[in-house]
C-alpha atoms as a PDB file:
ATOM      1  CA  MET A   1      14.879   0.982   4.930  1.00  0.00           C
ATOM      2  CA  VAL A   2      11.226   0.176   4.334  1.00  0.00           C
ATOM      3  CA  ALA A   3      12.046  -3.434   3.461  1.00  0.00           C
ATOM      4  CA  GLY A   4      14.201  -3.615   6.603  1.00  0.00           C
ATOM      5  CA  TYR A   5      11.322  -2.296   8.691  1.00  0.00           C
ATOM      6  CA  LEU A   6       8.926  -4.854   7.235  1.00  0.00           C
ATOM      7  CA  ALA A   7      11.431  -7.697   7.753  1.00  0.00           C
ATOM      8  CA  ALA A   8      12.038  -6.570  11.349  1.00  0.00           C
ATOM      9  CA  GLU A   9       8.285  -6.451  11.990  1.00  0.00           C
ATOM     10  CA  ASN A  10       7.939  -9.968  10.554  1.00  0.00           C
ATOM     11  CA  PHE A  11      10.677 -11.240  12.872  1.00  0.00           C
ATOM     12  CA  LYS A  12       9.003  -9.508  15.823  1.00  0.00           C
ATOM     13  CA  HIS A  13       5.596 -11.041  15.083  1.00  0.00           C
ATOM     14  CA  LEU A  14       7.136 -14.465  14.432  1.00  0.00           C
ATOM     15  CA  GLY A  15       8.704 -14.361  17.901  1.00  0.00           C
ATOM     16  CA  GLN A  16      12.284 -14.100  16.624  1.00  0.00           C
ATOM     17  CA  GLN A  17      13.315 -11.044  18.652  1.00  0.00           C
ATOM     18  CA  ASP A  18      17.021 -11.826  18.263  1.00  0.00           C
ATOM     19  CA  LYS A  19      16.771 -11.237  14.502  1.00  0.00           C
ATOM     20  CA  VAL A  20      15.004  -7.845  14.674  1.00  0.00           C
ATOM     21  CA  LYS A  21      18.241  -5.958  15.370  1.00  0.00           C
ATOM     22  CA  THR A  22      20.025  -7.870  12.597  1.00  0.00           C
ATOM     23  CA  ALA A  23      17.310  -6.907  10.090  1.00  0.00           C
ATOM     24  CA  TRP A  24      17.658  -3.229  11.038  1.00  0.00           C
ATOM     25  CA  THR A  25      21.459  -3.392  10.854  1.00  0.00           C
ATOM     26  CA  ILE A  26      21.377  -4.925   7.376  1.00  0.00           C
ATOM     27  CA  ALA A  27      18.789  -2.349   6.233  1.00  0.00           C
ATOM     28  CA  ILE A  28      20.885   0.577   7.471  1.00  0.00           C
ATOM     29  CA  ILE A  29      24.107  -0.760   5.941  1.00  0.00           C
ATOM     30  CA  ALA A  30      22.350  -1.508   2.633  1.00  0.00           C
ATOM     31  CA  SER A  31      20.855   2.000   2.554  1.00  0.00           C
ATOM     32  CA  ILE A  32      24.265   3.581   3.153  1.00  0.00           C
ATOM     33  CA  ILE A  33      25.771   1.468   0.367  1.00  0.00           C
ATOM     34  CA  ILE A  34      22.943   2.316  -2.055  1.00  0.00           C
ATOM     35  CA  PHE A  35      23.139   6.063  -1.329  1.00  0.00           C
ATOM     36  CA  GLY A  36      26.922   5.966  -1.508  1.00  0.00           C
ATOM     37  CA  ALA A  37      26.787   4.254  -4.878  1.00  0.00           C
ATOM     38  CA  VAL A  38      24.178   6.631  -6.265  1.00  0.00           C
ATOM     39  CA  PHE A  39      26.062   9.756  -5.183  1.00  0.00           C
ATOM     40  CA  LEU A  40      29.672   8.617  -5.538  1.00  0.00           C
ATOM     41  CA  VAL A  41      29.910   6.166  -8.437  1.00  0.00           C
ATOM     42  CA  PRO A  42      30.978   7.986 -11.598  1.00  0.00           C
ATOM     43  CA  ASP A  43      28.651   7.781 -14.590  1.00  0.00           C
ATOM     44  CA  ILE A  44      25.832   6.323 -12.486  1.00  0.00           C
ATOM     45  CA  ASP A  45      23.493   8.572 -14.487  1.00  0.00           C
ATOM     46  CA  LYS A  46      24.086   6.296 -17.503  1.00  0.00           C
ATOM     47  CA  VAL A  47      22.400   3.396 -15.684  1.00  0.00           C
ATOM     48  CA  PRO A  48      18.644   3.306 -16.386  1.00  0.00           C
ATOM     49  CA  ARG A  49      16.755   4.660 -13.364  1.00  0.00           C
ATOM     50  CA  TYR A  50      14.733   1.513 -12.800  1.00  0.00           C
ATOM     51  CA  ILE A  51      17.727  -0.861 -12.596  1.00  0.00           C
ATOM     52  CA  ILE A  52      18.955   0.032  -9.097  1.00  0.00           C
ATOM     53  CA  PRO A  53      15.504  -0.218  -7.442  1.00  0.00           C
ATOM     54  CA  LEU A  54      14.897  -3.526  -9.239  1.00  0.00           C
ATOM     55  CA  ILE A  55      18.206  -4.888  -7.955  1.00  0.00           C
ATOM     56  CA  TYR A  56      17.697  -3.940  -4.306  1.00  0.00           C
ATOM     57  CA  THR A  57      14.049  -5.009  -4.388  1.00  0.00           C
ATOM     58  CA  GLY A  58      15.076  -8.400  -5.774  1.00  0.00           C
ATOM     59  CA  ILE A  59      17.762  -8.765  -3.106  1.00  0.00           C
ATOM     60  CA  ALA A  60      15.277  -7.819  -0.363  1.00  0.00           C
ATOM     61  CA  GLN A  61      12.720 -10.308  -1.664  1.00  0.00           C
ATOM     62  CA  PHE A  62      15.359 -13.039  -1.848  1.00  0.00           C
ATOM     63  CA  LEU A  63      16.503 -12.382   1.735  1.00  0.00           C
ATOM     64  CA  VAL A  64      12.954 -12.338   3.106  1.00  0.00           C
ATOM     65  CA  GLN A  65      12.145 -15.611   1.335  1.00  0.00           C
ATOM     66  CA  LYS A  66      15.384 -17.212   2.503  1.00  0.00           C
ATOM     67  CA  TYR A  67      15.171 -16.168   6.157  1.00  0.00           C
ATOM     68  CA  GLN A  68      11.425 -15.818   6.714  1.00  0.00           C
ATOM     69  CA  GLY A  69       9.667 -17.672   3.895  1.00  0.00           C
ATOM     70  CA  VAL A  70       9.062 -20.951   5.700  1.00  0.00           C
ATOM     71  CA  ALA A  71       7.997 -19.234   8.932  1.00  0.00           C
ATOM     72  CA  ILE A  72       5.660 -16.855   7.100  1.00  0.00           C
ATOM     73  CA  LYS A  73       4.076 -19.725   5.174  1.00  0.00           C
ATOM     74  CA  ALA A  74       3.586 -21.737   8.374  1.00  0.00           C
ATOM     75  CA  HIS A  75       2.148 -18.688  10.136  1.00  0.00           C
ATOM     76  CA  ILE A  76      -0.410 -18.108   7.376  1.00  0.00           C
ATOM     77  CA  GLU A  77      -1.316 -21.802   7.082  1.00  0.00           C
ATOM     78  CA  SER A  78      -1.989 -21.971  10.827  1.00  0.00           C
ATOM     79  CA  GLY A  79      -4.438 -19.073  10.539  1.00  0.00           C
ATOM     80  CA  GLY A  80      -2.050 -16.412  11.828  1.00  0.00           C
ATOM     81  CA  GLN A  81      -2.861 -12.737  11.432  1.00  0.00           C
ATOM     82  CA  THR A  82      -1.633 -10.918   8.339  1.00  0.00           C
ATOM     83  CA  TYR A  83      -1.750  -7.267   7.392  1.00  0.00           C
ATOM     84  CA  SER A  84      -3.266  -5.930   4.206  1.00  0.00           C
ATOM     85  CA  VAL A  85      -1.176  -4.914   1.229  1.00  0.00           C
ATOM     86  CA  TRP A  86      -2.314  -1.343   1.915  1.00  0.00           C
ATOM     87  CA  ARG A  87      -0.293  -1.286   5.126  1.00  0.00           C
ATOM     88  CA  SER A  88       2.833  -2.003   3.075  1.00  0.00           C
ATOM     89  CA  VAL A  89       1.834   0.675   0.565  1.00  0.00           C
ATOM     90  CA  TRP A  90       1.344   3.176   3.410  1.00  0.00           C
ATOM     91  CA  ILE A  91       4.736   2.301   4.917  1.00  0.00           C
ATOM     92  CA  GLY A  92       6.337   2.649   1.489  1.00  0.00           C
ATOM     93  CA  LEU A  93       4.783   6.099   1.036  1.00  0.00           C
ATOM     94  CA  VAL A  94       6.003   7.230   4.455  1.00  0.00           C
ATOM     95  CA  GLY A  95       9.470   5.982   3.515  1.00  0.00           C
ATOM     96  CA  LEU A  96       9.275   7.934   0.245  1.00  0.00           C
ATOM     97  CA  VAL A  97       8.331  11.143   2.044  1.00  0.00           C
ATOM     98  CA  ILE A  98      11.245  10.699   4.474  1.00  0.00           C
ATOM     99  CA  LEU A  99      13.630  10.007   1.582  1.00  0.00           C
ATOM    100  CA  LEU A 100      12.465  13.087  -0.324  1.00  0.00           C
ATOM    101  CA  ALA A 101      12.874  15.215   2.806  1.00  0.00           C
ATOM    102  CA  ILE A 102      16.443  13.961   3.250  1.00  0.00           C
ATOM    103  CA  ILE A 103      17.296  14.618  -0.411  1.00  0.00           C
ATOM    104  CA  PHE A 104      15.719  18.072  -0.218  1.00  0.00           C
ATOM    105  CA  ALA A 105      17.760  18.877   2.900  1.00  0.00           C
ATOM    106  CA  ILE A 106      20.978  17.652   1.260  1.00  0.00           C
ATOM    107  CA  VAL A 107      20.326  19.733  -1.851  1.00  0.00           C
ATOM    108  CA  LEU A 108      19.587  22.813   0.240  1.00  0.00           C
ATOM    109  CA  LEU A 109      22.682  22.363   2.389  1.00  0.00           C
ATOM    110  CA  THR A 110      25.066  21.629  -0.485  1.00  0.00           C
ATOM    111  CA  ASN A 111      23.751  24.076  -3.070  1.00  0.00           C
ATOM    112  CA  LYS A 112      25.203  27.504  -2.301  1.00  0.00           C
ATOM    113  CA  ASP A 113      22.814  29.234  -4.708  1.00  0.00           C
ATOM    114  CA  ALA A 114      19.807  27.872  -2.818  1.00  0.00           C
ATOM    115  CA  LEU A 115      21.063  29.389   0.443  1.00  0.00           C
ATOM    116  CA  GLN A 116      21.490  32.923  -0.961  1.00  0.00           C
END
């Protein structure tokens, strides 16, 4: 979701409003697929923990480069405004807190021992 937010913000600042909704749609669908795979695929615990984040990070980077790379490069070369890396780190941390809250809520709601 964080990558989708950043891609949508890029589209917005590049003046490509029609692609903002598409970026959000892809991010939501990808998140549902990732969570579904993590919770529903049997023996997923045998996959090293770093593999899944590496895969979806690589896919996100590929998509951003494919659909925004040229425009971002042109924007920077023409002296366009950019944000610091720390803004991305902050957004990533907010996304992590939201994710942990969702997981915590799911565990509380599905674990009968936690409710008693």
